[in-house]
Amino acid sequence: MTKVGWQIENFIDQVREAVTALPADLFARYVAIIRRLEAGADPRDLGDDSKPMGDGLFEFRLQGKQTIGRVFHGCSKGQVMIVVHSIVKKTQATPLKVKDLELARERLREWKAKRDQEDADGKSKR
């Protein structure tokens, strides 16, 4: 049986631009993780590359030579993953800023509400 891979979406163009603007080593690590998911890997099996942040928010943990990156995402039914925010940290000890987590959570809530509304609209048309 063939594994169905994840479909990766970006919340807005600004998120895609921020992710592609990550330092080259961090972006390469992100692409490697995404390719695994698109090939059918289970996000729960990513080990240290992913961490739950609560409320349905997760982070990809990207380790580079000089910096550390985080790409925040959520998942929905139908194997759709939405990338909502990214940041670059100088060191492991640099704490995540509350505003970054709040922004990621708010974007995830907005996306889920939109998906729920689209699902409801689709069911009412049947």
PDB file of N, CA and C in Angstrom:
ATOM      1  N   MET A   1       0.831  -1.174   0.000  1.00  0.00           N
ATOM      2  CA  MET A   1       0.000   0.000   0.000  1.00  0.00           C
ATOM      3  C   MET A   1       0.884   1.250   0.000  1.00  0.00           C
ATOM      4  N   THR A   2       0.594   2.202  -0.870  1.00  0.00           N
ATOM      5  CA  THR A   2       1.369   3.419  -0.994  1.00  0.00           C
ATOM      6  C   THR A   2       0.966   4.418   0.080  1.00  0.00           C
ATOM      7  N   LYS A   3       1.959   5.007   0.722  1.00  0.00           N
ATOM      8  CA  LYS A   3       1.684   6.034   1.725  1.00  0.00           C
ATOM      9  C   LYS A   3       1.306   7.326   1.018  1.00  0.00           C
ATOM     10  N   VAL A   4       0.304   7.992   1.547  1.00  0.00           N
ATOM     11  CA  VAL A   4      -0.094   9.295   1.022  1.00  0.00           C
ATOM     12  C   VAL A   4       0.668  10.353   1.798  1.00  0.00           C
ATOM     13  N   GLY A   5       1.349  11.220   1.081  1.00  0.00           N
ATOM     14  CA  GLY A   5       2.139  12.254   1.737  1.00  0.00           C
ATOM     15  C   GLY A   5       1.315  13.442   2.171  1.00  0.00           C
ATOM     16  N   TRP A   6       1.929  14.267   2.952  1.00  0.00           N
ATOM     17  CA  TRP A   6       1.304  15.485   3.451  1.00  0.00           C
ATOM     18  C   TRP A   6       1.347  16.570   2.394  1.00  0.00           C
ATOM     19  N   GLN A   7       0.295  17.371   2.361  1.00  0.00           N
ATOM     20  CA  GLN A   7       0.248  18.563   1.518  1.00  0.00           C
ATOM     21  C   GLN A   7       0.644  19.727   2.414  1.00  0.00           C
ATOM     22  N   ILE A   8       1.654  20.479   2.008  1.00  0.00           N
ATOM     23  CA  ILE A   8       2.155  21.586   2.815  1.00  0.00           C
ATOM     24  C   ILE A   8       1.641  22.895   2.226  1.00  0.00           C
ATOM     25  N   GLU A   9       1.002  23.710   3.068  1.00  0.00           N
ATOM     26  CA  GLU A   9       0.498  25.018   2.657  1.00  0.00           C
ATOM     27  C   GLU A   9       1.113  26.088   3.551  1.00  0.00           C
ATOM     28  N   ASN A  10       1.140  27.316   3.045  1.00  0.00           N
ATOM     29  CA  ASN A  10       1.596  28.456   3.838  1.00  0.00           C
ATOM     30  C   ASN A  10       0.400  29.338   4.157  1.00  0.00           C
ATOM     31  N   PHE A  11       0.359  29.855   5.357  1.00  0.00           N
ATOM     32  CA  PHE A  11      -0.759  30.679   5.818  1.00  0.00           C
ATOM     33  C   PHE A  11      -0.970  31.873   4.889  1.00  0.00           C
ATOM     34  N   ILE A  12       0.092  32.595   4.610  1.00  0.00           N
ATOM     35  CA  ILE A  12       0.072  33.732   3.685  1.00  0.00           C
ATOM     36  C   ILE A  12       1.415  33.771   2.960  1.00  0.00           C
ATOM     37  N   ASP A  13       1.505  34.548   1.889  1.00  0.00           N
ATOM     38  CA  ASP A  13       2.753  34.650   1.133  1.00  0.00           C
ATOM     39  C   ASP A  13       3.911  35.113   2.014  1.00  0.00           C
ATOM     40  N   GLN A  14       3.613  35.970   2.979  1.00  0.00           N
ATOM     41  CA  GLN A  14       4.649  36.473   3.878  1.00  0.00           C
ATOM     42  C   GLN A  14       5.337  35.322   4.624  1.00  0.00           C
ATOM     43  N   VAL A  15       4.596  34.290   4.969  1.00  0.00           N
ATOM     44  CA  VAL A  15       5.179  33.137   5.658  1.00  0.00           C
ATOM     45  C   VAL A  15       6.112  32.390   4.712  1.00  0.00           C
ATOM     46  N   ARG A  16       5.660  32.139   3.487  1.00  0.00           N
ATOM     47  CA  ARG A  16       6.508  31.448   2.507  1.00  0.00           C
ATOM     48  C   ARG A  16       7.801  32.235   2.280  1.00  0.00           C
ATOM     49  N   GLU A  17       7.677  33.560   2.164  1.00  0.00           N
ATOM     50  CA  GLU A  17       8.857  34.400   1.956  1.00  0.00           C
ATOM     51  C   GLU A  17       9.812  34.323   3.143  1.00  0.00           C
ATOM     52  N   ALA A  18       9.267  34.326   4.351  1.00  0.00           N
ATOM     53  CA  ALA A  18      10.112  34.249   5.546  1.00  0.00           C
ATOM     54  C   ALA A  18      10.833  32.910   5.628  1.00  0.00           C
ATOM     55  N   VAL A  19      10.139  31.837   5.274  1.00  0.00           N
ATOM     56  CA  VAL A  19      10.760  30.510   5.318  1.00  0.00           C
ATOM     57  C   VAL A  19      11.859  30.404   4.260  1.00  0.00           C
ATOM     58  N   THR A  20      11.579  30.875   3.053  1.00  0.00           N
ATOM     59  CA  THR A  20      12.607  30.777   1.999  1.00  0.00           C
ATOM     60  C   THR A  20      13.776  31.716   2.260  1.00  0.00           C
ATOM     61  N   ALA A  21      13.581  32.723   3.121  1.00  0.00           N
ATOM     62  CA  ALA A  21      14.660  33.644   3.466  1.00  0.00           C
ATOM     63  C   ALA A  21      15.499  33.155   4.650  1.00  0.00           C
ATOM     64  N   LEU A  22      15.170  31.990   5.204  1.00  0.00           N
ATOM     65  CA  LEU A  22      15.984  31.436   6.286  1.00  0.00           C
ATOM     66  C   LEU A  22      17.420  31.260   5.791  1.00  0.00           C
ATOM     67  N   PRO A  23      18.404  31.315   6.699  1.00  0.00           N
ATOM     68  CA  PRO A  23      19.771  31.011   6.279  1.00  0.00           C
ATOM     69  C   PRO A  23      19.809  29.672   5.528  1.00  0.00           C
ATOM     70  N   ALA A  24      20.705  29.559   4.557  1.00  0.00           N
ATOM     71  CA  ALA A  24      20.732  28.412   3.641  1.00  0.00           C
ATOM     72  C   ALA A  24      20.746  27.065   4.350  1.00  0.00           C
ATOM     73  N   ASP A  25      21.534  26.933   5.419  1.00  0.00           N
ATOM     74  CA  ASP A  25      21.590  25.636   6.099  1.00  0.00           C
ATOM     75  C   ASP A  25      20.274  25.304   6.800  1.00  0.00           C
ATOM     76  N   LEU A  26      19.604  26.324   7.351  1.00  0.00           N
ATOM     77  CA  LEU A  26      18.307  26.092   7.990  1.00  0.00           C
ATOM     78  C   LEU A  26      17.243  25.748   6.943  1.00  0.00           C
ATOM     79  N   PHE A  27      17.259  26.463   5.826  1.00  0.00           N
ATOM     80  CA  PHE A  27      16.288  26.190   4.773  1.00  0.00           C
ATOM     81  C   PHE A  27      16.489  24.783   4.205  1.00  0.00           C
ATOM     82  N   ALA A  28      17.737  24.361   4.049  1.00  0.00           N
ATOM     83  CA  ALA A  28      18.010  23.005   3.555  1.00  0.00           C
ATOM     84  C   ALA A  28      17.457  21.958   4.526  1.00  0.00           C
ATOM     85  N   ARG A  29      17.591  22.206   5.808  1.00  0.00           N
ATOM     86  CA  ARG A  29      17.056  21.276   6.818  1.00  0.00           C
ATOM     87  C   ARG A  29      15.532  21.246   6.750  1.00  0.00           C
ATOM     88  N   TYR A  30      14.911  22.412   6.588  1.00  0.00           N
ATOM     89  CA  TYR A  30      13.456  22.494   6.447  1.00  0.00           C
ATOM     90  C   TYR A  30      12.993  21.697   5.224  1.00  0.00           C
ATOM     91  N   VAL A  31      13.653  21.892   4.104  1.00  0.00           N
ATOM     92  CA  VAL A  31      13.281  21.181   2.875  1.00  0.00           C
ATOM     93  C   VAL A  31      13.403  19.672   3.077  1.00  0.00           C
ATOM     94  N   ALA A  32      14.446  19.226   3.764  1.00  0.00           N
ATOM     95  CA  ALA A  32      14.614  17.791   4.017  1.00  0.00           C
ATOM     96  C   ALA A  32      13.448  17.233   4.845  1.00  0.00           C
ATOM     97  N   ILE A  33      13.002  17.978   5.843  1.00  0.00           N
ATOM     98  CA  ILE A  33      11.871  17.543   6.667  1.00  0.00           C
ATOM     99  C   ILE A  33      10.595  17.505   5.826  1.00  0.00           C
ATOM    100  N   ILE A  34      10.368  18.550   5.046  1.00  0.00           N
ATOM    101  CA  ILE A  34       9.164  18.625   4.213  1.00  0.00           C
ATOM    102  C   ILE A  34       9.136  17.481   3.203  1.00  0.00           C
ATOM    103  N   ARG A  35      10.252  17.173   2.616  1.00  0.00           N
ATOM    104  CA  ARG A  35      10.303  16.060   1.643  1.00  0.00           C
ATOM    105  C   ARG A  35       9.933  14.736   2.295  1.00  0.00           C
ATOM    106  N   ARG A  36      10.382  14.530   3.537  1.00  0.00           N
ATOM    107  CA  ARG A  36      10.002  13.312   4.262  1.00  0.00           C
ATOM    108  C   ARG A  36       8.493  13.242   4.456  1.00  0.00           C
ATOM    109  N   LEU A  37       7.905  14.372   4.828  1.00  0.00           N
ATOM    110  CA  LEU A  37       6.459  14.423   5.049  1.00  0.00           C
ATOM    111  C   LEU A  37       5.688  14.220   3.743  1.00  0.00           C
ATOM    112  N   GLU A  38       6.130  14.862   2.691  1.00  0.00           N
ATOM    113  CA  GLU A  38       5.467  14.720   1.396  1.00  0.00           C
ATOM    114  C   GLU A  38       5.563  13.291   0.865  1.00  0.00           C
ATOM    115  N   ALA A  39       6.601  12.572   1.308  1.00  0.00           N
ATOM    116  CA  ALA A  39       6.768  11.169   0.903  1.00  0.00           C
ATOM    117  C   ALA A  39       5.956  10.215   1.775  1.00  0.00           C
ATOM    118  N   GLY A  40       5.273  10.761   2.801  1.00  0.00           N
ATOM    119  CA  GLY A  40       4.395   9.928   3.614  1.00  0.00           C
ATOM    120  C   GLY A  40       4.838   9.677   5.030  1.00  0.00           C
ATOM    121  N   ALA A  41       5.921  10.330   5.473  1.00  0.00           N
ATOM    122  CA  ALA A  41       6.363  10.157   6.865  1.00  0.00           C
ATOM    123  C   ALA A  41       5.292  10.677   7.824  1.00  0.00           C
ATOM    124  N   ASP A  42       5.180  10.050   8.954  1.00  0.00           N
ATOM    125  CA  ASP A  42       4.250  10.480   9.993  1.00  0.00           C
ATOM    126  C   ASP A  42       4.924  11.592  10.795  1.00  0.00           C
ATOM    127  N   PRO A  43       4.265  12.755  10.937  1.00  0.00           N
ATOM    128  CA  PRO A  43       4.881  13.860  11.695  1.00  0.00           C
ATOM    129  C   PRO A  43       5.263  13.482  13.121  1.00  0.00           C
ATOM    130  N   ARG A  44       4.577  12.491  13.683  1.00  0.00           N
ATOM    131  CA  ARG A  44       4.901  12.065  15.055  1.00  0.00           C
ATOM    132  C   ARG A  44       6.211  11.287  15.109  1.00  0.00           C
ATOM    133  N   ASP A  45       6.727  10.886  13.946  1.00  0.00           N
ATOM    134  CA  ASP A  45       7.954  10.101  13.892  1.00  0.00           C
ATOM    135  C   ASP A  45       9.170  10.939  13.499  1.00  0.00           C
ATOM    136  N   LEU A  46       9.094  12.244  13.651  1.00  0.00           N
ATOM    137  CA  LEU A  46      10.210  13.105  13.261  1.00  0.00           C
ATOM    138  C   LEU A  46      11.244  13.288  14.366  1.00  0.00           C
ATOM    139  N   GLY A  47      11.004  12.703  15.509  1.00  0.00           N
ATOM    140  CA  GLY A  47      11.964  12.774  16.609  1.00  0.00           C
ATOM    141  C   GLY A  47      12.251  14.199  17.023  1.00  0.00           C
ATOM    142  N   ASP A  48      13.535  14.521  17.131  1.00  0.00           N
ATOM    143  CA  ASP A  48      13.955  15.849  17.590  1.00  0.00           C
ATOM    144  C   ASP A  48      13.686  16.949  16.577  1.00  0.00           C
ATOM    145  N   ASP A  49      13.282  16.588  15.343  1.00  0.00           N
ATOM    146  CA  ASP A  49      13.017  17.596  14.323  1.00  0.00           C
ATOM    147  C   ASP A  49      11.683  18.300  14.526  1.00  0.00           C
ATOM    148  N   SER A  50      10.829  17.785  15.400  1.00  0.00           N
ATOM    149  CA  SER A  50       9.515  18.378  15.613  1.00  0.00           C
ATOM    150  C   SER A  50       9.147  18.306  17.089  1.00  0.00           C
ATOM    151  N   LYS A  51       8.411  19.325  17.530  1.00  0.00           N
ATOM    152  CA  LYS A  51       8.018  19.363  18.942  1.00  0.00           C
ATOM    153  C   LYS A  51       6.621  19.973  19.041  1.00  0.00           C
ATOM    154  N   PRO A  52       5.725  19.361  19.827  1.00  0.00           N
ATOM    155  CA  PRO A  52       4.410  19.968  20.041  1.00  0.00           C
ATOM    156  C   PRO A  52       4.541  21.196  20.943  1.00  0.00           C
ATOM    157  N   MET A  53       3.778  22.242  20.605  1.00  0.00           N
ATOM    158  CA  MET A  53       3.813  23.477  21.382  1.00  0.00           C
ATOM    159  C   MET A  53       2.491  23.731  22.103  1.00  0.00           C
ATOM    160  N   GLY A  54       1.531  22.805  21.953  1.00  0.00           N
ATOM    161  CA  GLY A  54       0.227  22.951  22.587  1.00  0.00           C
ATOM    162  C   GLY A  54      -0.793  23.590  21.670  1.00  0.00           C
ATOM    163  N   ASP A  55      -2.052  23.313  21.921  1.00  0.00           N
ATOM    164  CA  ASP A  55      -3.166  23.875  21.146  1.00  0.00           C
ATOM    165  C   ASP A  55      -3.087  23.545  19.658  1.00  0.00           C
ATOM    166  N   GLY A  56      -2.517  22.391  19.326  1.00  0.00           N
ATOM    167  CA  GLY A  56      -2.436  21.981  17.922  1.00  0.00           C
ATOM    168  C   GLY A  56      -1.289  22.604  17.150  1.00  0.00           C
ATOM    169  N   LEU A  57      -0.455  23.373  17.829  1.00  0.00           N
ATOM    170  CA  LEU A  57       0.701  24.016  17.198  1.00  0.00           C
ATOM    171  C   LEU A  57       1.936  23.151  17.412  1.00  0.00           C
ATOM    172  N   PHE A  58       2.737  23.030  16.360  1.00  0.00           N
ATOM    173  CA  PHE A  58       3.986  22.271  16.415  1.00  0.00           C
ATOM    174  C   PHE A  58       5.095  23.140  15.856  1.00  0.00           C
ATOM    175  N   GLU A  59       6.337  22.768  16.163  1.00  0.00           N
ATOM    176  CA  GLU A  59       7.467  23.469  15.569  1.00  0.00           C
ATOM    177  C   GLU A  59       8.421  22.474  14.944  1.00  0.00           C
ATOM    178  N   PHE A  60       8.934  22.833  13.767  1.00  0.00           N
ATOM    179  CA  PHE A  60      10.073  22.121  13.204  1.00  0.00           C
ATOM    180  C   PHE A  60      11.289  22.787  13.825  1.00  0.00           C
ATOM    181  N   ARG A  61      12.201  21.978  14.317  1.00  0.00           N
ATOM    182  CA  ARG A  61      13.397  22.477  14.977  1.00  0.00           C
ATOM    183  C   ARG A  61      14.569  22.334  14.007  1.00  0.00           C
ATOM    184  N   LEU A  62      15.098  23.459  13.570  1.00  0.00           N
ATOM    185  CA  LEU A  62      16.143  23.480  12.552  1.00  0.00           C
ATOM    186  C   LEU A  62      17.453  23.933  13.172  1.00  0.00           C
ATOM    187  N   GLN A  63      18.462  23.087  13.104  1.00  0.00           N
ATOM    188  CA  GLN A  63      19.771  23.412  13.666  1.00  0.00           C
ATOM    189  C   GLN A  63      20.728  23.727  12.524  1.00  0.00           C
ATOM    190  N   GLY A  64      21.308  24.922  12.551  1.00  0.00           N
ATOM    191  CA  GLY A  64      22.288  25.319  11.552  1.00  0.00           C
ATOM    192  C   GLY A  64      23.669  25.428  12.164  1.00  0.00           C
ATOM    193  N   LYS A  65      24.605  25.889  11.365  1.00  0.00           N
ATOM    194  CA  LYS A  65      25.978  26.041  11.854  1.00  0.00           C
ATOM    195  C   LYS A  65      26.103  27.206  12.830  1.00  0.00           C
ATOM    196  N   GLN A  66      25.437  28.314  12.519  1.00  0.00           N
ATOM    197  CA  GLN A  66      25.553  29.519  13.332  1.00  0.00           C
ATOM    198  C   GLN A  66      24.255  29.892  14.057  1.00  0.00           C
ATOM    199  N   THR A  67      23.134  29.392  13.562  1.00  0.00           N
ATOM    200  CA  THR A  67      21.840  29.795  14.103  1.00  0.00           C
ATOM    201  C   THR A  67      20.900  28.593  14.228  1.00  0.00           C
ATOM    202  N   ILE A  68      19.786  28.855  14.855  1.00  0.00           N
ATOM    203  CA  ILE A  68      18.743  27.852  15.065  1.00  0.00           C
ATOM    204  C   ILE A  68      17.451  28.447  14.524  1.00  0.00           C
ATOM    205  N   GLY A  69      16.679  27.649  13.814  1.00  0.00           N
ATOM    206  CA  GLY A  69      15.417  28.134  13.284  1.00  0.00           C
ATOM    207  C   GLY A  69      14.252  27.333  13.821  1.00  0.00           C
ATOM    208  N   ARG A  70      13.102  27.967  13.821  1.00  0.00           N
ATOM    209  CA  ARG A  70      11.861  27.304  14.190  1.00  0.00           C
ATOM    210  C   ARG A  70      10.826  27.664  13.135  1.00  0.00           C
ATOM    211  N   VAL A  71      10.144  26.654  12.637  1.00  0.00           N
ATOM    212  CA  VAL A  71       9.047  26.868  11.693  1.00  0.00           C
ATOM    213  C   VAL A  71       7.807  26.271  12.344  1.00  0.00           C
ATOM    214  N   PHE A  72       6.829  27.114  12.619  1.00  0.00           N
ATOM    215  CA  PHE A  72       5.624  26.695  13.328  1.00  0.00           C
ATOM    216  C   PHE A  72       4.556  26.253  12.335  1.00  0.00           C
ATOM    217  N   HIS A  73       3.854  25.184  12.694  1.00  0.00           N
ATOM    218  CA  HIS A  73       2.839  24.627  11.803  1.00  0.00           C
ATOM    219  C   HIS A  73       1.748  23.909  12.589  1.00  0.00           C
ATOM    220  N   GLY A  74       0.668  23.636  11.900  1.00  0.00           N
ATOM    221  CA  GLY A  74      -0.428  22.848  12.445  1.00  0.00           C
ATOM    222  C   GLY A  74      -0.890  21.871  11.378  1.00  0.00           C
ATOM    223  N   CYS A  75      -1.734  20.940  11.756  1.00  0.00           N
ATOM    224  CA  CYS A  75      -2.209  19.911  10.835  1.00  0.00           C
ATOM    225  C   CYS A  75      -3.725  19.853  10.862  1.00  0.00           C
ATOM    226  N   SER A  76      -4.292  19.361   9.774  1.00  0.00           N
ATOM    227  CA  SER A  76      -5.738  19.155   9.747  1.00  0.00           C
ATOM    228  C   SER A  76      -6.021  17.837   9.055  1.00  0.00           C
ATOM    229  N   LYS A  77      -7.288  17.441   9.109  1.00  0.00           N
ATOM    230  CA  LYS A  77      -7.674  16.204   8.450  1.00  0.00           C
ATOM    231  C   LYS A  77      -7.351  16.305   6.963  1.00  0.00           C
ATOM    232  N   GLY A  78      -7.194  15.172   6.340  1.00  0.00           N
ATOM    233  CA  GLY A  78      -6.840  15.151   4.932  1.00  0.00           C
ATOM    234  C   GLY A  78      -5.356  15.343   4.699  1.00  0.00           C
ATOM    235  N   GLN A  79      -4.561  15.209   5.748  1.00  0.00           N
ATOM    236  CA  GLN A  79      -3.112  15.332   5.690  1.00  0.00           C
ATOM    237  C   GLN A  79      -2.668  16.648   5.061  1.00  0.00           C
ATOM    238  N   VAL A  80      -3.232  17.721   5.578  1.00  0.00           N
ATOM    239  CA  VAL A  80      -2.822  19.061   5.179  1.00  0.00           C
ATOM    240  C   VAL A  80      -2.084  19.683   6.355  1.00  0.00           C
ATOM    241  N   MET A  81      -0.899  20.220   6.076  1.00  0.00           N
ATOM    242  CA  MET A  81      -0.101  20.890   7.103  1.00  0.00           C
ATOM    243  C   MET A  81       0.016  22.352   6.696  1.00  0.00           C
ATOM    244  N   ILE A  82      -0.233  23.236   7.647  1.00  0.00           N
ATOM    245  CA  ILE A  82      -0.172  24.670   7.369  1.00  0.00           C
ATOM    246  C   ILE A  82       1.004  25.283   8.122  1.00  0.00           C
ATOM    247  N   VAL A  83       1.869  25.959   7.402  1.00  0.00           N
ATOM    248  CA  VAL A  83       3.013  26.651   7.998  1.00  0.00           C
ATOM    249  C   VAL A  83       2.546  28.069   8.323  1.00  0.00           C
ATOM    250  N   VAL A  84       2.664  28.468   9.591  1.00  0.00           N
ATOM    251  CA  VAL A  84       2.085  29.738  10.023  1.00  0.00           C
ATOM    252  C   VAL A  84       3.095  30.810  10.441  1.00  0.00           C
ATOM    253  N   HIS A  85       4.349  30.425  10.727  1.00  0.00           N
ATOM    254  CA  HIS A  85       5.316  31.420  11.196  1.00  0.00           C
ATOM    255  C   HIS A  85       6.701  30.781  11.252  1.00  0.00           C
ATOM    256  N   SER A  86       7.727  31.604  11.147  1.00  0.00           N
ATOM    257  CA  SER A  86       9.093  31.098  11.324  1.00  0.00           C
ATOM    258  C   SER A  86       9.945  32.164  11.997  1.00  0.00           C
ATOM    259  N   ILE A  87      10.961  31.700  12.704  1.00  0.00           N
ATOM    260  CA  ILE A  87      11.895  32.603  13.380  1.00  0.00           C
ATOM    261  C   ILE A  87      13.301  32.018  13.306  1.00  0.00           C
ATOM    262  N   VAL A  88      14.282  32.882  13.533  1.00  0.00           N
ATOM    263  CA  VAL A  88      15.676  32.467  13.647  1.00  0.00           C
ATOM    264  C   VAL A  88      16.152  32.901  15.022  1.00  0.00           C
ATOM    265  N   LYS A  89      16.778  31.969  15.731  1.00  0.00           N
ATOM    266  CA  LYS A  89      17.345  32.242  17.050  1.00  0.00           C
ATOM    267  C   LYS A  89      18.863  32.182  16.931  1.00  0.00           C
ATOM    268  N   LYS A  90      19.547  32.943  17.749  1.00  0.00           N
ATOM    269  CA  LYS A  90      21.012  32.935  17.718  1.00  0.00           C
ATOM    270  C   LYS A  90      21.596  31.719  18.445  1.00  0.00           C
ATOM    271  N   THR A  91      20.970  31.347  19.567  1.00  0.00           N
ATOM    272  CA  THR A  91      21.465  30.206  20.341  1.00  0.00           C
ATOM    273  C   THR A  91      20.282  29.409  20.878  1.00  0.00           C
ATOM    274  N   GLN A  92      20.572  28.210  21.329  1.00  0.00           N
ATOM    275  CA  GLN A  92      19.550  27.360  21.939  1.00  0.00           C
ATOM    276  C   GLN A  92      18.976  28.029  23.185  1.00  0.00           C
ATOM    277  N   ALA A  93      19.811  28.795  23.874  1.00  0.00           N
ATOM    278  CA  ALA A  93      19.385  29.435  25.123  1.00  0.00           C
ATOM    279  C   ALA A  93      18.459  30.630  24.888  1.00  0.00           C
ATOM    280  N   THR A  94      18.431  31.154  23.668  1.00  0.00           N
ATOM    281  CA  THR A  94      17.549  32.275  23.378  1.00  0.00           C
ATOM    282  C   THR A  94      16.103  31.795  23.491  1.00  0.00           C
ATOM    283  N   PRO A  95      15.332  32.383  24.400  1.00  0.00           N
ATOM    284  CA  PRO A  95      13.955  31.904  24.565  1.00  0.00           C
ATOM    285  C   PRO A  95      13.064  32.345  23.402  1.00  0.00           C
ATOM    286  N   LEU A  96      12.042  31.543  23.158  1.00  0.00           N
ATOM    287  CA  LEU A  96      11.040  31.949  22.183  1.00  0.00           C
ATOM    288  C   LEU A  96      10.301  33.154  22.739  1.00  0.00           C
ATOM    289  N   LYS A  97      10.047  34.116  21.907  1.00  0.00           N
ATOM    290  CA  LYS A  97       9.302  35.289  22.348  1.00  0.00           C
ATOM    291  C   LYS A  97       7.822  34.952  22.383  1.00  0.00           C
ATOM    292  N   VAL A  98       7.159  35.415  23.409  1.00  0.00           N
ATOM    293  CA  VAL A  98       5.732  35.171  23.569  1.00  0.00           C
ATOM    294  C   VAL A  98       4.979  35.660  22.343  1.00  0.00           C
ATOM    295  N   LYS A  99       5.384  36.803  21.779  1.00  0.00           N
ATOM    296  CA  LYS A  99       4.668  37.358  20.628  1.00  0.00           C
ATOM    297  C   LYS A  99       4.765  36.424  19.418  1.00  0.00           C
ATOM    298  N   ASP A 100       5.874  35.706  19.272  1.00  0.00           N
ATOM    299  CA  ASP A 100       6.000  34.760  18.159  1.00  0.00           C
ATOM    300  C   ASP A 100       5.033  33.593  18.327  1.00  0.00           C
ATOM    301  N   LEU A 101       4.956  33.067  19.538  1.00  0.00           N
ATOM    302  CA  LEU A 101       4.015  31.969  19.792  1.00  0.00           C
ATOM    303  C   LEU A 101       2.571  32.424  19.653  1.00  0.00           C
ATOM    304  N   GLU A 102       2.268  33.618  20.142  1.00  0.00           N
ATOM    305  CA  GLU A 102       0.909  34.143  20.025  1.00  0.00           C
ATOM    306  C   GLU A 102       0.527  34.344  18.557  1.00  0.00           C
ATOM    307  N   LEU A 103       1.449  34.882  17.763  1.00  0.00           N
ATOM    308  CA  LEU A 103       1.187  35.086  16.340  1.00  0.00           C
ATOM    309  C   LEU A 103       0.951  33.750  15.638  1.00  0.00           C
ATOM    310  N   ALA A 104       1.787  32.772  15.925  1.00  0.00           N
ATOM    311  CA  ALA A 104       1.631  31.446  15.307  1.00  0.00           C
ATOM    312  C   ALA A 104       0.294  30.819  15.700  1.00  0.00           C
ATOM    313  N   ARG A 105      -0.059  30.911  16.961  1.00  0.00           N
ATOM    314  CA  ARG A 105      -1.341  30.338  17.416  1.00  0.00           C
ATOM    315  C   ARG A 105      -2.539  31.053  16.794  1.00  0.00           C
ATOM    316  N   GLU A 106      -2.469  32.373  16.708  1.00  0.00           N
ATOM    317  CA  GLU A 106      -3.573  33.136  16.109  1.00  0.00           C
ATOM    318  C   GLU A 106      -3.736  32.777  14.633  1.00  0.00           C
ATOM    319  N   ARG A 107      -2.636  32.682  13.914  1.00  0.00           N
ATOM    320  CA  ARG A 107      -2.721  32.299  12.502  1.00  0.00           C
ATOM    321  C   ARG A 107      -3.288  30.892  12.344  1.00  0.00           C
ATOM    322  N   LEU A 108      -2.898  29.994  13.216  1.00  0.00           N
ATOM    323  CA  LEU A 108      -3.417  28.626  13.148  1.00  0.00           C
ATOM    324  C   LEU A 108      -4.919  28.614  13.428  1.00  0.00           C
ATOM    325  N   ARG A 109      -5.362  29.375  14.431  1.00  0.00           N
ATOM    326  CA  ARG A 109      -6.802  29.470  14.723  1.00  0.00           C
ATOM    327  C   ARG A 109      -7.572  30.024  13.529  1.00  0.00           C
ATOM    328  N   GLU A 110      -7.040  31.076  12.909  1.00  0.00           N
ATOM    329  CA  GLU A 110      -7.698  31.668  11.735  1.00  0.00           C
ATOM    330  C   GLU A 110      -7.816  30.652  10.605  1.00  0.00           C
ATOM    331  N   TRP A 111      -6.736  29.920  10.365  1.00  0.00           N
ATOM    332  CA  TRP A 111      -6.726  28.940   9.280  1.00  0.00           C
ATOM    333  C   TRP A 111      -7.731  27.820   9.552  1.00  0.00           C
ATOM    334  N   LYS A 112      -7.750  27.334  10.795  1.00  0.00           N
ATOM    335  CA  LYS A 112      -8.689  26.263  11.136  1.00  0.00           C
ATOM    336  C   LYS A 112     -10.138  26.741  11.023  1.00  0.00           C
ATOM    337  N   ALA A 113     -10.417  27.966  11.447  1.00  0.00           N
ATOM    338  CA  ALA A 113     -11.772  28.509  11.332  1.00  0.00           C
ATOM    339  C   ALA A 113     -12.176  28.609   9.860  1.00  0.00           C
ATOM    340  N   LYS A 114     -11.264  29.035   9.030  1.00  0.00           N
ATOM    341  CA  LYS A 114     -11.545  29.135   7.595  1.00  0.00           C
ATOM    342  C   LYS A 114     -11.806  27.754   7.003  1.00  0.00           C
ATOM    343  N   ARG A 115     -10.975  26.785   7.362  1.00  0.00           N
ATOM    344  CA  ARG A 115     -11.167  25.402   6.864  1.00  0.00           C
ATOM    345  C   ARG A 115     -12.502  24.837   7.338  1.00  0.00           C
ATOM    346  N   ASP A 116     -12.838  25.073   8.606  1.00  0.00           N
ATOM    347  CA  ASP A 116     -14.112  24.584   9.145  1.00  0.00           C
ATOM    348  C   ASP A 116     -15.287  25.207   8.394  1.00  0.00           C
ATOM    349  N   GLN A 117     -15.186  26.507   8.110  1.00  0.00           N
ATOM    350  CA  GLN A 117     -16.253  27.190   7.381  1.00  0.00           C
ATOM    351  C   GLN A 117     -16.369  26.641   5.963  1.00  0.00           C
ATOM    352  N   GLU A 118     -15.226  26.415   5.309  1.00  0.00           N
ATOM    353  CA  GLU A 118     -15.245  25.846   3.957  1.00  0.00           C
ATOM    354  C   GLU A 118     -15.866  24.439   3.963  1.00  0.00           C
ATOM    355  N   ASP A 119     -15.534  23.651   4.987  1.00  0.00           N
ATOM    356  CA  ASP A 119     -16.115  22.314   5.111  1.00  0.00           C
ATOM    357  C   ASP A 119     -17.619  22.402   5.304  1.00  0.00           C
ATOM    358  N   ALA A 120     -18.066  23.322   6.171  1.00  0.00           N
ATOM    359  CA  ALA A 120     -19.498  23.488   6.431  1.00  0.00           C
ATOM    360  C   ALA A 120     -20.217  23.957   5.170  1.00  0.00           C
ATOM    361  N   ASP A 121     -19.615  24.893   4.445  1.00  0.00           N
ATOM    362  CA  ASP A 121     -20.222  25.389   3.208  1.00  0.00           C
ATOM    363  C   ASP A 121     -20.321  24.273   2.174  1.00  0.00           C
ATOM    364  N   GLY A 122     -19.294  23.438   2.098  1.00  0.00           N
ATOM    365  CA  GLY A 122     -19.300  22.335   1.146  1.00  0.00           C
ATOM    366  C   GLY A 122     -20.360  21.305   1.474  1.00  0.00           C
ATOM    367  N   LYS A 123     -20.579  21.019   2.754  1.00  0.00           N
ATOM    368  CA  LYS A 123     -21.596  20.043   3.172  1.00  0.00           C
ATOM    369  C   LYS A 123     -23.013  20.580   2.929  1.00  0.00           C
ATOM    370  N   SER A 124     -23.182  21.906   3.095  1.00  0.00           N
ATOM    371  CA  SER A 124     -24.521  22.463   2.916  1.00  0.00           C
ATOM    372  C   SER A 124     -24.915  22.510   1.443  1.00  0.00           C
ATOM    373  N   LYS A 125     -23.954  22.470   0.524  1.00  0.00           N
ATOM    374  CA  LYS A 125     -24.245  22.496  -0.907  1.00  0.00           C
ATOM    375  C   LYS A 125     -24.604  21.129  -1.439  1.00  0.00           C
ATOM    376  N   ARG A 126     -24.342  20.087  -0.676  1.00  0.00           N
ATOM    377  CA  ARG A 126     -24.617  18.721  -1.149  1.00  0.00           C
ATOM    378  C   ARG A 126     -26.066  18.369  -1.062  1.00  0.00           C
TER     379      ARG A 126
END
